[in-house]
């Protein structure tokens, strides 16, 4: 049984280790822990991780964020993976730093990567995990914040959160989205961190008007 796990981000040294590339960061750590390595292939960097009889295809698209759907569609067809075995990992400025939210489906909520995937696949019914990157930026500086790099304190803090996401990916491949959400609900809740000086999670959702809000600062 094969599963396609997609971490969204932008390629290039200028985007490495930035908030917007949290999807890349998570898959890099997952592959490293599994002793696997990425290979540059069509539409992205790819590696395989074996877990409890499942084959997890980890994909970091090379299309840039706004064209992520091209990579996802290609690798779904190549690996004969249906939407119920697709999991997409993205950043989200509407969630406090380190907060984790998994959903079985949903709108793009303003995230250009998800928007393109939805358009190309013709469906919004696939699992996604959103990682909060906070919104600690001044008015008019959203792009710089989202494309900015983590500071050392944030990196250290996120290690534990990324470990939870990796466990969620493994769980998704064995017991599915609903049971994974139930099992990890407590662990995925907002942690305590000084960088979480944002409005409450619920208020941010109300403000965005959606449950799948995301960053809009993507490269074409």
N, C-alpha and C. Protein backbone atom coordinates (compact mmCIF):
# COMPACT_ATOMS: atom_id res chain seq x y z
N UNK A 1 0.85 -1.20 0.00
CA UNK A 1 0.00 0.00 0.00
C UNK A 1 0.89 1.25 0.00
N UNK A 2 0.63 2.15 -0.95
CA UNK A 2 1.44 3.36 -1.05
C UNK A 2 0.66 4.60 -0.61
N UNK A 3 1.37 5.51 0.05
CA UNK A 3 0.80 6.78 0.49
C UNK A 3 1.69 7.91 0.01
N UNK A 4 1.08 8.98 -0.47
CA UNK A 4 1.85 10.14 -0.93
C UNK A 4 1.78 11.22 0.14
N UNK A 5 2.93 11.56 0.70
CA UNK A 5 3.02 12.57 1.74
C UNK A 5 3.74 13.79 1.15
N UNK A 6 3.05 14.91 1.05
CA UNK A 6 3.58 16.08 0.38
C UNK A 6 3.82 17.21 1.37
N UNK A 7 5.05 17.70 1.41
CA UNK A 7 5.36 18.86 2.23
C UNK A 7 5.56 20.05 1.29
N UNK A 8 4.76 21.10 1.45
CA UNK A 8 4.84 22.23 0.53
C UNK A 8 5.93 23.22 0.92
N UNK A 9 6.50 23.86 -0.09
CA UNK A 9 7.54 24.85 0.12
C UNK A 9 8.03 25.39 -1.20
N UNK A 10 9.02 26.25 -1.16
CA UNK A 10 9.65 26.80 -2.35
C UNK A 10 11.10 26.34 -2.41
N UNK A 11 11.57 26.00 -3.61
CA UNK A 11 12.94 25.54 -3.76
C UNK A 11 13.90 26.72 -3.84
N UNK A 12 15.17 26.45 -3.59
CA UNK A 12 16.19 27.48 -3.67
C UNK A 12 16.75 27.85 -2.32
N UNK A 13 18.03 28.22 -2.28
CA UNK A 13 18.69 28.56 -1.03
C UNK A 13 18.02 29.73 -0.30
N UNK A 14 17.46 30.66 -1.07
CA UNK A 14 16.85 31.84 -0.44
C UNK A 14 15.60 31.49 0.37
N UNK A 15 15.03 30.30 0.10
CA UNK A 15 13.83 29.89 0.83
C UNK A 15 14.10 28.82 1.87
N UNK A 16 15.32 28.33 1.91
CA UNK A 16 15.65 27.26 2.84
C UNK A 16 15.47 27.71 4.30
N UNK A 17 14.87 26.84 5.09
CA UNK A 17 14.71 27.08 6.53
C UNK A 17 13.83 28.29 6.83
N UNK A 18 12.91 28.62 5.94
CA UNK A 18 11.97 29.72 6.18
C UNK A 18 10.65 29.18 6.73
N UNK A 19 9.85 30.08 7.27
CA UNK A 19 8.57 29.67 7.85
C UNK A 19 7.67 29.01 6.81
N UNK A 20 7.68 29.57 5.61
CA UNK A 20 6.82 29.07 4.55
C UNK A 20 7.19 27.66 4.11
N UNK A 21 8.43 27.24 4.42
CA UNK A 21 8.92 25.93 4.00
C UNK A 21 8.83 24.88 5.10
N UNK A 22 7.95 25.06 6.05
CA UNK A 22 7.84 24.11 7.15
C UNK A 22 7.52 22.70 6.64
N UNK A 23 6.80 22.61 5.52
CA UNK A 23 6.50 21.30 4.95
C UNK A 23 7.76 20.58 4.52
N UNK A 24 8.69 21.30 3.88
CA UNK A 24 9.98 20.72 3.50
C UNK A 24 10.75 20.28 4.74
N UNK A 25 10.76 21.15 5.74
CA UNK A 25 11.53 20.89 6.96
C UNK A 25 11.07 19.60 7.63
N UNK A 26 9.77 19.41 7.69
CA UNK A 26 9.21 18.21 8.34
C UNK A 26 9.60 16.95 7.58
N UNK A 27 9.49 16.98 6.25
CA UNK A 27 9.84 15.79 5.47
C UNK A 27 11.34 15.52 5.52
N UNK A 28 12.16 16.56 5.58
CA UNK A 28 13.60 16.37 5.72
C UNK A 28 13.93 15.64 7.02
N UNK A 29 13.28 16.05 8.10
CA UNK A 29 13.54 15.41 9.38
C UNK A 29 13.03 13.97 9.40
N UNK A 30 11.86 13.76 8.80
CA UNK A 30 11.29 12.41 8.72
C UNK A 30 12.24 11.49 7.96
N UNK A 31 12.69 11.93 6.80
CA UNK A 31 13.59 11.11 5.98
C UNK A 31 14.89 10.83 6.71
N UNK A 32 15.43 11.86 7.39
CA UNK A 32 16.68 11.70 8.12
C UNK A 32 16.54 10.65 9.22
N UNK A 33 15.45 10.73 9.97
CA UNK A 33 15.23 9.77 11.06
C UNK A 33 15.06 8.34 10.53
N UNK A 34 14.51 8.24 9.30
CA UNK A 34 14.27 6.93 8.70
C UNK A 34 15.49 6.41 7.95
N UNK A 35 16.55 7.22 7.89
CA UNK A 35 17.75 6.82 7.17
C UNK A 35 17.57 6.82 5.67
N UNK A 36 16.63 7.64 5.18
CA UNK A 36 16.36 7.72 3.74
C UNK A 36 16.87 9.04 3.19
N UNK A 37 17.05 9.09 1.88
CA UNK A 37 17.55 10.31 1.25
C UNK A 37 16.70 10.70 0.05
N UNK A 38 16.59 11.99 -0.20
CA UNK A 38 15.80 12.48 -1.32
C UNK A 38 16.61 12.44 -2.61
N UNK A 39 15.89 12.19 -3.71
CA UNK A 39 16.46 12.24 -5.05
C UNK A 39 15.67 13.25 -5.87
N UNK A 40 16.38 14.04 -6.66
CA UNK A 40 15.71 14.99 -7.53
C UNK A 40 15.12 14.26 -8.72
N UNK A 41 13.80 14.34 -8.82
CA UNK A 41 13.09 13.67 -9.90
C UNK A 41 12.12 14.67 -10.54
N UNK A 42 11.28 14.19 -11.42
CA UNK A 42 10.36 15.08 -12.11
C UNK A 42 9.42 15.74 -11.11
N UNK A 43 9.33 17.04 -11.17
CA UNK A 43 8.43 17.84 -10.34
C UNK A 43 8.79 17.87 -8.86
N UNK A 44 9.92 17.29 -8.46
CA UNK A 44 10.24 17.41 -7.04
C UNK A 44 11.31 16.45 -6.55
N UNK A 45 11.67 16.63 -5.29
CA UNK A 45 12.59 15.73 -4.60
C UNK A 45 11.76 14.65 -3.92
N UNK A 46 12.15 13.41 -4.10
CA UNK A 46 11.33 12.28 -3.65
C UNK A 46 12.18 11.26 -2.90
N UNK A 47 11.58 10.67 -1.88
CA UNK A 47 12.21 9.51 -1.24
C UNK A 47 11.13 8.58 -0.71
N UNK A 48 11.51 7.34 -0.46
CA UNK A 48 10.57 6.35 0.06
C UNK A 48 10.95 5.96 1.48
N UNK A 49 9.92 5.85 2.32
CA UNK A 49 10.11 5.39 3.69
C UNK A 49 9.16 4.22 3.91
N UNK A 50 9.67 3.13 4.41
CA UNK A 50 8.85 1.97 4.71
C UNK A 50 8.40 2.04 6.16
N UNK A 51 7.12 1.77 6.39
CA UNK A 51 6.60 1.78 7.76
C UNK A 51 5.46 0.80 7.90
N UNK A 52 5.66 -0.22 8.69
CA UNK A 52 4.65 -1.24 8.99
C UNK A 52 3.95 -1.76 7.73
N UNK A 53 4.74 -2.12 6.76
CA UNK A 53 4.20 -2.70 5.55
C UNK A 53 3.69 -1.69 4.53
N UNK A 54 3.74 -0.41 4.90
CA UNK A 54 3.32 0.65 3.98
C UNK A 54 4.54 1.28 3.34
N UNK A 55 4.35 1.83 2.15
CA UNK A 55 5.38 2.61 1.48
C UNK A 55 4.94 4.06 1.46
N UNK A 56 5.70 4.91 2.12
CA UNK A 56 5.38 6.33 2.16
C UNK A 56 6.27 7.06 1.16
N UNK A 57 5.65 7.65 0.15
CA UNK A 57 6.37 8.43 -0.84
C UNK A 57 6.40 9.87 -0.34
N UNK A 58 7.57 10.35 0.06
CA UNK A 58 7.70 11.72 0.54
C UNK A 58 8.05 12.62 -0.64
N UNK A 59 7.29 13.69 -0.83
CA UNK A 59 7.48 14.56 -1.98
C UNK A 59 7.63 16.02 -1.55
N UNK A 60 8.72 16.64 -2.02
CA UNK A 60 8.92 18.08 -1.86
C UNK A 60 8.87 18.68 -3.27
N UNK A 61 7.74 19.26 -3.65
CA UNK A 61 7.59 19.77 -5.02
C UNK A 61 8.66 20.80 -5.39
N UNK A 62 9.10 20.75 -6.64
CA UNK A 62 10.08 21.72 -7.15
C UNK A 62 9.41 22.76 -8.04
N UNK A 63 8.10 22.81 -7.99
CA UNK A 63 7.32 23.68 -8.88
C UNK A 63 7.12 25.08 -8.34
N UNK A 64 7.60 25.35 -7.14
CA UNK A 64 7.24 26.54 -6.37
C UNK A 64 5.79 26.38 -5.90
N UNK A 65 5.47 27.10 -4.83
CA UNK A 65 4.22 26.90 -4.13
C UNK A 65 2.98 26.99 -5.02
N UNK A 66 2.93 28.00 -5.87
CA UNK A 66 1.72 28.26 -6.65
C UNK A 66 1.38 27.21 -7.67
N UNK A 67 2.32 26.32 -7.97
CA UNK A 67 2.07 25.26 -8.96
C UNK A 67 2.21 23.87 -8.33
N UNK A 68 1.98 23.79 -7.04
CA UNK A 68 2.15 22.53 -6.31
C UNK A 68 1.28 21.41 -6.86
N UNK A 69 0.12 21.76 -7.39
CA UNK A 69 -0.80 20.75 -7.89
C UNK A 69 -0.22 19.92 -9.02
N UNK A 70 0.67 20.50 -9.82
CA UNK A 70 1.29 19.76 -10.91
C UNK A 70 2.11 18.59 -10.39
N UNK A 71 2.87 18.85 -9.34
CA UNK A 71 3.70 17.80 -8.74
C UNK A 71 2.84 16.74 -8.07
N UNK A 72 1.84 17.18 -7.33
CA UNK A 72 0.97 16.24 -6.62
C UNK A 72 0.25 15.33 -7.61
N UNK A 73 -0.33 15.92 -8.65
CA UNK A 73 -1.07 15.15 -9.65
C UNK A 73 -0.17 14.13 -10.34
N UNK A 74 1.03 14.57 -10.73
CA UNK A 74 1.95 13.68 -11.43
C UNK A 74 2.31 12.47 -10.57
N UNK A 75 2.67 12.72 -9.31
CA UNK A 75 3.11 11.61 -8.46
C UNK A 75 1.96 10.74 -7.98
N UNK A 76 0.76 11.29 -7.89
CA UNK A 76 -0.39 10.44 -7.58
C UNK A 76 -0.63 9.45 -8.72
N UNK A 77 -0.53 9.93 -9.94
CA UNK A 77 -0.73 9.04 -11.10
C UNK A 77 0.41 8.03 -11.22
N UNK A 78 1.63 8.51 -11.04
CA UNK A 78 2.80 7.63 -11.18
C UNK A 78 2.77 6.50 -10.15
N UNK A 79 2.40 6.83 -8.92
CA UNK A 79 2.40 5.84 -7.84
C UNK A 79 1.03 5.18 -7.63
N UNK A 80 0.07 5.56 -8.50
CA UNK A 80 -1.29 5.00 -8.43
C UNK A 80 -1.88 5.17 -7.03
N UNK A 81 -1.78 6.40 -6.55
CA UNK A 81 -2.27 6.74 -5.21
C UNK A 81 -3.55 7.56 -5.32
N UNK A 82 -4.60 7.14 -4.65
CA UNK A 82 -5.87 7.87 -4.66
C UNK A 82 -5.85 8.97 -3.60
N UNK A 83 -6.86 9.86 -3.68
CA UNK A 83 -6.92 11.01 -2.77
C UNK A 83 -7.01 10.60 -1.30
N UNK A 84 -7.56 9.42 -1.01
CA UNK A 84 -7.67 9.00 0.39
C UNK A 84 -6.34 8.55 0.96
N UNK A 85 -5.30 8.49 0.11
CA UNK A 85 -3.96 8.15 0.59
C UNK A 85 -2.98 9.28 0.31
N UNK A 86 -3.55 10.49 0.25
CA UNK A 86 -2.75 11.71 0.06
C UNK A 86 -2.80 12.56 1.32
N UNK A 87 -1.65 13.02 1.78
CA UNK A 87 -1.57 13.91 2.93
C UNK A 87 -0.66 15.08 2.56
N UNK A 88 -1.17 16.31 2.73
CA UNK A 88 -0.42 17.52 2.39
C UNK A 88 -0.12 18.31 3.67
N UNK A 89 1.12 18.76 3.81
CA UNK A 89 1.54 19.49 5.01
C UNK A 89 1.89 20.92 4.62
N UNK A 90 1.26 21.90 5.30
CA UNK A 90 1.44 23.30 4.93
C UNK A 90 1.62 24.18 6.17
N UNK A 91 2.12 25.41 5.93
CA UNK A 91 2.22 26.42 6.98
C UNK A 91 0.91 27.17 7.08
N UNK A 92 0.68 27.82 8.22
CA UNK A 92 -0.56 28.58 8.41
C UNK A 92 -0.33 29.75 9.36
N UNK A 93 -0.50 30.97 8.85
CA UNK A 93 -0.33 32.15 9.70
C UNK A 93 -1.53 32.40 10.59
N UNK A 94 -2.63 31.70 10.34
CA UNK A 94 -3.83 31.89 11.17
C UNK A 94 -3.79 31.06 12.44
N UNK A 95 -2.77 30.21 12.57
CA UNK A 95 -2.62 29.39 13.77
C UNK A 95 -1.39 29.85 14.55
N UNK A 96 -1.47 29.85 15.87
CA UNK A 96 -0.32 30.23 16.70
C UNK A 96 0.89 29.33 16.44
N UNK A 97 2.05 29.86 16.68
CA UNK A 97 3.30 29.15 16.44
C UNK A 97 3.30 27.77 17.10
N UNK A 98 3.51 26.74 16.29
CA UNK A 98 3.61 25.38 16.79
C UNK A 98 2.31 24.65 16.91
N UNK A 99 1.18 25.32 16.71
CA UNK A 99 -0.11 24.65 16.77
C UNK A 99 -0.24 23.73 15.56
N UNK A 100 -0.86 22.57 15.76
CA UNK A 100 -0.99 21.57 14.70
C UNK A 100 -2.47 21.25 14.49
N UNK A 101 -2.90 21.27 13.27
CA UNK A 101 -4.31 20.95 12.99
C UNK A 101 -4.41 20.05 11.78
N UNK A 102 -5.06 18.91 11.97
CA UNK A 102 -5.27 17.96 10.89
C UNK A 102 -6.74 17.95 10.51
N UNK A 103 -7.02 17.88 9.21
CA UNK A 103 -8.39 17.83 8.71
C UNK A 103 -8.46 16.85 7.55
N UNK A 104 -9.60 16.17 7.38
CA UNK A 104 -9.74 15.20 6.29
C UNK A 104 -10.03 15.84 4.94
N UNK A 105 -10.39 17.12 4.96
CA UNK A 105 -10.73 17.85 3.73
C UNK A 105 -10.89 19.32 4.08
N UNK A 106 -11.15 20.16 3.07
CA UNK A 106 -11.39 21.57 3.37
C UNK A 106 -11.00 22.48 2.22
N UNK A 107 -11.34 23.74 2.34
CA UNK A 107 -11.01 24.73 1.33
C UNK A 107 -9.53 25.09 1.42
N UNK A 108 -9.05 25.88 0.45
CA UNK A 108 -7.65 26.30 0.50
C UNK A 108 -7.43 27.38 1.53
N UNK A 109 -8.47 28.14 1.90
CA UNK A 109 -8.37 29.15 2.95
C UNK A 109 -7.35 30.24 2.66
N UNK A 110 -7.03 30.47 1.38
CA UNK A 110 -6.08 31.52 1.06
C UNK A 110 -4.67 31.03 0.85
N UNK A 111 -4.43 29.73 1.04
CA UNK A 111 -3.09 29.19 0.83
C UNK A 111 -2.96 28.81 -0.64
N UNK A 112 -2.04 29.47 -1.34
CA UNK A 112 -1.91 29.29 -2.79
C UNK A 112 -1.50 27.88 -3.19
N UNK A 113 -0.73 27.22 -2.35
CA UNK A 113 -0.34 25.85 -2.64
C UNK A 113 -1.55 24.93 -2.63
N UNK A 114 -2.35 25.02 -1.58
CA UNK A 114 -3.56 24.21 -1.50
C UNK A 114 -4.54 24.57 -2.62
N UNK A 115 -4.63 25.85 -2.95
CA UNK A 115 -5.55 26.30 -4.00
C UNK A 115 -5.22 25.62 -5.32
N UNK A 116 -3.92 25.55 -5.65
CA UNK A 116 -3.55 24.94 -6.92
C UNK A 116 -3.77 23.43 -6.90
N UNK A 117 -3.51 22.81 -5.77
CA UNK A 117 -3.76 21.37 -5.64
C UNK A 117 -5.25 21.09 -5.83
N UNK A 118 -6.10 21.88 -5.19
CA UNK A 118 -7.54 21.70 -5.32
C UNK A 118 -7.99 21.82 -6.77
N UNK A 119 -7.44 22.82 -7.46
CA UNK A 119 -7.82 23.06 -8.85
C UNK A 119 -7.39 21.91 -9.76
N UNK A 120 -6.14 21.48 -9.62
CA UNK A 120 -5.61 20.43 -10.49
C UNK A 120 -6.27 19.07 -10.20
N UNK A 121 -6.47 18.76 -8.93
CA UNK A 121 -7.08 17.47 -8.58
C UNK A 121 -8.59 17.48 -8.77
N UNK A 122 -9.18 18.67 -8.73
CA UNK A 122 -10.63 18.78 -8.86
C UNK A 122 -11.37 18.31 -7.63
N UNK A 123 -10.69 18.34 -6.49
CA UNK A 123 -11.31 17.93 -5.23
C UNK A 123 -10.62 18.60 -4.05
N UNK A 124 -11.34 18.75 -2.96
CA UNK A 124 -10.75 19.24 -1.71
C UNK A 124 -10.75 18.13 -0.66
N UNK A 125 -11.12 16.94 -1.07
CA UNK A 125 -11.27 15.83 -0.13
C UNK A 125 -10.00 14.99 -0.06
N UNK A 126 -9.02 15.57 0.59
CA UNK A 126 -7.79 14.87 0.89
C UNK A 126 -7.28 15.44 2.22
N UNK A 127 -6.55 14.63 2.96
CA UNK A 127 -6.10 15.05 4.29
C UNK A 127 -5.01 16.10 4.20
N UNK A 128 -5.01 16.99 5.20
CA UNK A 128 -3.95 17.99 5.29
C UNK A 128 -3.62 18.26 6.76
N UNK A 129 -2.36 18.57 7.01
CA UNK A 129 -1.92 18.99 8.34
C UNK A 129 -1.39 20.40 8.21
N UNK A 130 -1.93 21.32 9.00
CA UNK A 130 -1.50 22.72 8.98
C UNK A 130 -0.69 23.00 10.24
N UNK A 131 0.47 23.62 10.05
CA UNK A 131 1.36 23.95 11.15
C UNK A 131 1.35 25.46 11.36
N UNK A 132 1.00 25.88 12.55
CA UNK A 132 0.96 27.31 12.85
C UNK A 132 2.34 27.94 12.85
N UNK A 133 2.48 29.04 12.11
CA UNK A 133 3.75 29.78 12.13
C UNK A 133 3.58 31.13 12.81
N UNK A 134 2.38 31.38 13.35
CA UNK A 134 2.12 32.63 14.05
C UNK A 134 1.93 33.78 13.09
N UNK A 135 1.59 34.93 13.65
CA UNK A 135 1.42 36.14 12.81
C UNK A 135 2.09 37.33 13.48
N UNK A 136 3.30 37.10 13.99
CA UNK A 136 4.02 38.15 14.70
C UNK A 136 4.72 39.13 13.78
N UNK A 137 3.95 39.77 12.92
CA UNK A 137 4.54 40.74 12.00
C UNK A 137 3.71 42.02 12.00
N UNK A 138 4.36 43.11 11.66
CA UNK A 138 3.67 44.39 11.59
C UNK A 138 2.88 44.49 10.29
N UNK A 139 1.91 45.37 10.28
CA UNK A 139 1.08 45.55 9.10
C UNK A 139 1.94 45.87 7.88
N UNK A 140 1.67 45.14 6.80
CA UNK A 140 2.41 45.37 5.57
C UNK A 140 3.68 44.55 5.42
N UNK A 141 4.02 43.77 6.46
CA UNK A 141 5.27 43.00 6.40
C UNK A 141 5.03 41.49 6.42
N UNK A 142 3.85 41.08 5.99
CA UNK A 142 3.51 39.66 5.99
C UNK A 142 4.46 38.83 5.14
N UNK A 143 4.77 39.32 3.94
CA UNK A 143 5.63 38.57 3.03
C UNK A 143 7.00 38.33 3.66
N UNK A 144 7.59 39.37 4.22
CA UNK A 144 8.90 39.23 4.85
C UNK A 144 8.87 38.27 6.02
N UNK A 145 7.77 38.28 6.76
CA UNK A 145 7.64 37.38 7.91
C UNK A 145 7.54 35.93 7.45
N UNK A 146 6.64 35.68 6.51
CA UNK A 146 6.40 34.32 6.05
C UNK A 146 7.64 33.74 5.36
N UNK A 147 8.35 34.58 4.62
CA UNK A 147 9.55 34.11 3.92
C UNK A 147 10.82 34.32 4.75
N UNK A 148 10.63 34.71 6.00
CA UNK A 148 11.77 34.88 6.90
C UNK A 148 12.18 33.56 7.53
N UNK A 149 13.41 33.53 8.05
CA UNK A 149 13.93 32.31 8.67
C UNK A 149 13.60 32.26 10.15
N UNK A 150 13.52 31.05 10.66
CA UNK A 150 13.29 30.84 12.09
C UNK A 150 14.51 31.31 12.88
N UNK A 151 14.27 31.85 14.08
CA UNK A 151 15.40 32.13 14.95
C UNK A 151 15.73 30.85 15.73
N UNK A 152 16.83 30.86 16.44
CA UNK A 152 17.29 29.65 17.11
C UNK A 152 16.30 29.14 18.16
N UNK A 153 15.69 30.06 18.88
CA UNK A 153 14.71 29.66 19.90
C UNK A 153 13.52 28.97 19.26
N UNK A 154 13.05 29.51 18.14
CA UNK A 154 11.92 28.90 17.45
C UNK A 154 12.28 27.52 16.90
N UNK A 155 13.49 27.39 16.36
CA UNK A 155 13.93 26.10 15.84
C UNK A 155 13.91 25.03 16.92
N UNK A 156 14.46 25.37 18.09
CA UNK A 156 14.51 24.42 19.18
C UNK A 156 13.11 24.04 19.64
N UNK A 157 12.25 25.03 19.71
CA UNK A 157 10.87 24.81 20.13
C UNK A 157 10.13 23.90 19.15
N UNK A 158 10.37 24.10 17.86
CA UNK A 158 9.64 23.36 16.82
C UNK A 158 10.07 21.91 16.70
N UNK A 159 11.24 21.55 17.21
CA UNK A 159 11.70 20.16 17.10
C UNK A 159 10.68 19.19 17.67
N UNK A 160 10.17 19.51 18.84
CA UNK A 160 9.19 18.65 19.47
C UNK A 160 7.88 18.61 18.71
N UNK A 161 7.49 19.75 18.15
CA UNK A 161 6.25 19.80 17.36
C UNK A 161 6.38 19.01 16.07
N UNK A 162 7.55 19.09 15.44
CA UNK A 162 7.78 18.34 14.20
C UNK A 162 7.76 16.84 14.48
N UNK A 163 8.28 16.43 15.62
CA UNK A 163 8.24 15.01 15.99
C UNK A 163 6.81 14.51 16.08
N UNK A 164 5.92 15.36 16.60
CA UNK A 164 4.51 14.98 16.68
C UNK A 164 3.93 14.82 15.28
N UNK A 165 4.25 15.73 14.37
CA UNK A 165 3.73 15.65 13.00
C UNK A 165 4.22 14.37 12.33
N UNK A 166 5.48 14.02 12.54
CA UNK A 166 6.02 12.79 11.95
C UNK A 166 5.25 11.58 12.46
N UNK A 167 4.94 11.55 13.75
CA UNK A 167 4.15 10.45 14.30
C UNK A 167 2.73 10.45 13.70
N UNK A 168 2.20 11.63 13.43
CA UNK A 168 0.88 11.72 12.81
C UNK A 168 0.89 11.18 11.38
N UNK A 169 1.97 11.45 10.66
CA UNK A 169 2.11 10.92 9.31
C UNK A 169 2.11 9.39 9.34
N UNK A 170 2.87 8.82 10.26
CA UNK A 170 2.91 7.37 10.39
C UNK A 170 1.53 6.82 10.73
N UNK A 171 0.86 7.49 11.65
CA UNK A 171 -0.48 7.07 12.06
C UNK A 171 -1.46 7.14 10.90
N UNK A 172 -1.38 8.21 10.12
CA UNK A 172 -2.25 8.37 8.95
C UNK A 172 -2.14 7.18 8.01
N UNK A 173 -0.93 6.68 7.84
CA UNK A 173 -0.71 5.58 6.91
C UNK A 173 -1.21 4.24 7.44
N UNK A 174 -1.44 4.15 8.73
CA UNK A 174 -1.86 2.87 9.31
C UNK A 174 -3.32 2.85 9.77
N UNK A 175 -3.80 3.96 10.33
CA UNK A 175 -5.18 3.94 10.86
C UNK A 175 -6.08 5.01 10.23
N UNK A 176 -5.54 5.85 9.35
CA UNK A 176 -6.38 6.83 8.68
C UNK A 176 -6.48 8.17 9.40
N UNK A 177 -7.17 9.10 8.74
CA UNK A 177 -7.26 10.48 9.23
C UNK A 177 -8.04 10.61 10.53
N UNK A 178 -9.24 10.07 10.57
CA UNK A 178 -10.11 10.27 11.74
C UNK A 178 -9.49 9.73 13.02
N UNK A 179 -8.95 8.53 12.98
CA UNK A 179 -8.36 7.95 14.17
C UNK A 179 -7.07 8.67 14.56
N UNK A 180 -6.37 9.18 13.57
CA UNK A 180 -5.16 9.96 13.87
C UNK A 180 -5.53 11.25 14.56
N UNK A 181 -6.57 11.92 14.08
CA UNK A 181 -7.03 13.16 14.70
C UNK A 181 -7.42 12.91 16.15
N UNK A 182 -8.12 11.83 16.39
CA UNK A 182 -8.55 11.50 17.75
C UNK A 182 -7.36 11.20 18.65
N UNK A 183 -6.43 10.42 18.14
CA UNK A 183 -5.28 10.00 18.94
C UNK A 183 -4.35 11.15 19.29
N UNK A 184 -4.24 12.13 18.37
CA UNK A 184 -3.26 13.20 18.57
C UNK A 184 -3.89 14.54 18.94
N UNK A 185 -5.17 14.53 19.21
CA UNK A 185 -5.86 15.79 19.52
C UNK A 185 -5.22 16.54 20.67
N UNK A 186 -4.90 15.84 21.75
CA UNK A 186 -4.33 16.50 22.92
C UNK A 186 -2.91 17.00 22.64
N UNK A 187 -2.09 16.17 22.01
CA UNK A 187 -0.70 16.54 21.74
C UNK A 187 -0.59 17.69 20.74
N UNK A 188 -1.57 17.77 19.85
CA UNK A 188 -1.49 18.78 18.79
C UNK A 188 -2.01 20.15 19.24
N UNK A 189 -2.57 20.22 20.44
CA UNK A 189 -3.09 21.50 20.92
C UNK A 189 -1.98 22.52 21.09
N UNK A 190 -2.39 23.78 21.12
CA UNK A 190 -1.45 24.90 21.21
C UNK A 190 -0.50 24.75 22.41
N UNK A 191 0.79 24.73 22.15
CA UNK A 191 1.77 24.65 23.24
C UNK A 191 2.05 26.03 23.80
N UNK A 192 2.78 26.06 24.89
CA UNK A 192 3.14 27.34 25.48
C UNK A 192 4.46 27.82 24.89
N UNK A 193 4.45 29.00 24.30
CA UNK A 193 5.66 29.57 23.72
C UNK A 193 5.52 31.08 23.69
N UNK A 194 6.57 31.81 24.04
CA UNK A 194 6.50 33.27 24.06
C UNK A 194 6.19 33.88 22.70
N UNK A 195 6.45 33.12 21.62
CA UNK A 195 6.17 33.65 20.29
C UNK A 195 4.69 33.64 19.97
N UNK A 196 3.90 32.98 20.81
CA UNK A 196 2.46 32.91 20.57
C UNK A 196 1.76 34.13 21.15
N UNK A 197 2.10 35.29 20.62
CA UNK A 197 1.47 36.52 21.06
C UNK A 197 0.39 36.95 20.08
N UNK A 198 -0.28 35.92 19.52
CA UNK A 198 -1.32 36.19 18.54
C UNK A 198 -2.68 36.14 19.20
N UNK A 199 -3.68 36.57 18.46
CA UNK A 199 -5.05 36.48 18.93
C UNK A 199 -5.39 35.02 19.12
N UNK A 200 -6.40 34.74 19.92
CA UNK A 200 -6.77 33.37 20.18
C UNK A 200 -7.07 32.63 18.89
N UNK A 201 -6.91 31.30 18.93
CA UNK A 201 -7.13 30.46 17.75
C UNK A 201 -8.52 30.69 17.18
N UNK A 202 -9.53 30.73 18.04
CA UNK A 202 -10.89 30.88 17.56
C UNK A 202 -11.09 32.24 16.89
N UNK A 203 -10.53 33.28 17.49
CA UNK A 203 -10.68 34.62 16.91
C UNK A 203 -10.03 34.68 15.54
N UNK A 204 -8.87 34.05 15.40
CA UNK A 204 -8.20 34.04 14.11
C UNK A 204 -9.02 33.32 13.07
N UNK A 205 -9.68 32.23 13.47
CA UNK A 205 -10.53 31.51 12.52
C UNK A 205 -11.69 32.39 12.09
N UNK A 206 -12.30 33.08 13.04
CA UNK A 206 -13.42 33.96 12.71
C UNK A 206 -12.98 35.05 11.76
N UNK A 207 -11.79 35.57 12.01
CA UNK A 207 -11.27 36.65 11.18
C UNK A 207 -11.03 36.18 9.75
N UNK A 208 -10.49 34.96 9.60
CA UNK A 208 -10.19 34.45 8.27
C UNK A 208 -11.44 33.93 7.58
N UNK A 209 -12.44 33.56 8.38
CA UNK A 209 -13.69 33.08 7.81
C UNK A 209 -13.59 31.69 7.22
N UNK A 210 -12.63 30.91 7.68
CA UNK A 210 -12.47 29.55 7.18
C UNK A 210 -11.69 28.74 8.18
N UNK A 211 -11.79 27.41 8.04
CA UNK A 211 -11.05 26.54 8.92
C UNK A 211 -9.75 26.08 8.28
N UNK A 212 -9.48 26.53 7.08
CA UNK A 212 -8.26 26.11 6.41
C UNK A 212 -7.48 27.30 5.90
N UNK A 213 -7.30 28.31 6.75
CA UNK A 213 -6.59 29.51 6.34
C UNK A 213 -5.11 29.23 6.20
N UNK A 214 -4.47 29.96 5.29
CA UNK A 214 -3.05 29.75 5.06
C UNK A 214 -2.37 30.99 4.57
N UNK A 215 -1.11 30.87 4.33
CA UNK A 215 -0.32 31.99 3.87
C UNK A 215 -0.58 32.30 2.41
N UNK A 216 -0.51 33.59 2.04
CA UNK A 216 -0.73 33.98 0.66
C UNK A 216 0.56 34.39 -0.04
N UNK A 217 1.67 34.30 0.64
CA UNK A 217 2.92 34.82 0.09
C UNK A 217 3.70 33.72 -0.63
N UNK A 218 3.24 33.36 -1.83
CA UNK A 218 3.84 32.26 -2.57
C UNK A 218 4.46 32.73 -3.86
N UNK A 219 5.53 32.05 -4.28
CA UNK A 219 6.19 32.43 -5.52
C UNK A 219 5.56 31.70 -6.68
N UNK A 220 5.39 32.41 -7.81
CA UNK A 220 4.85 31.80 -9.02
C UNK A 220 5.87 30.88 -9.66
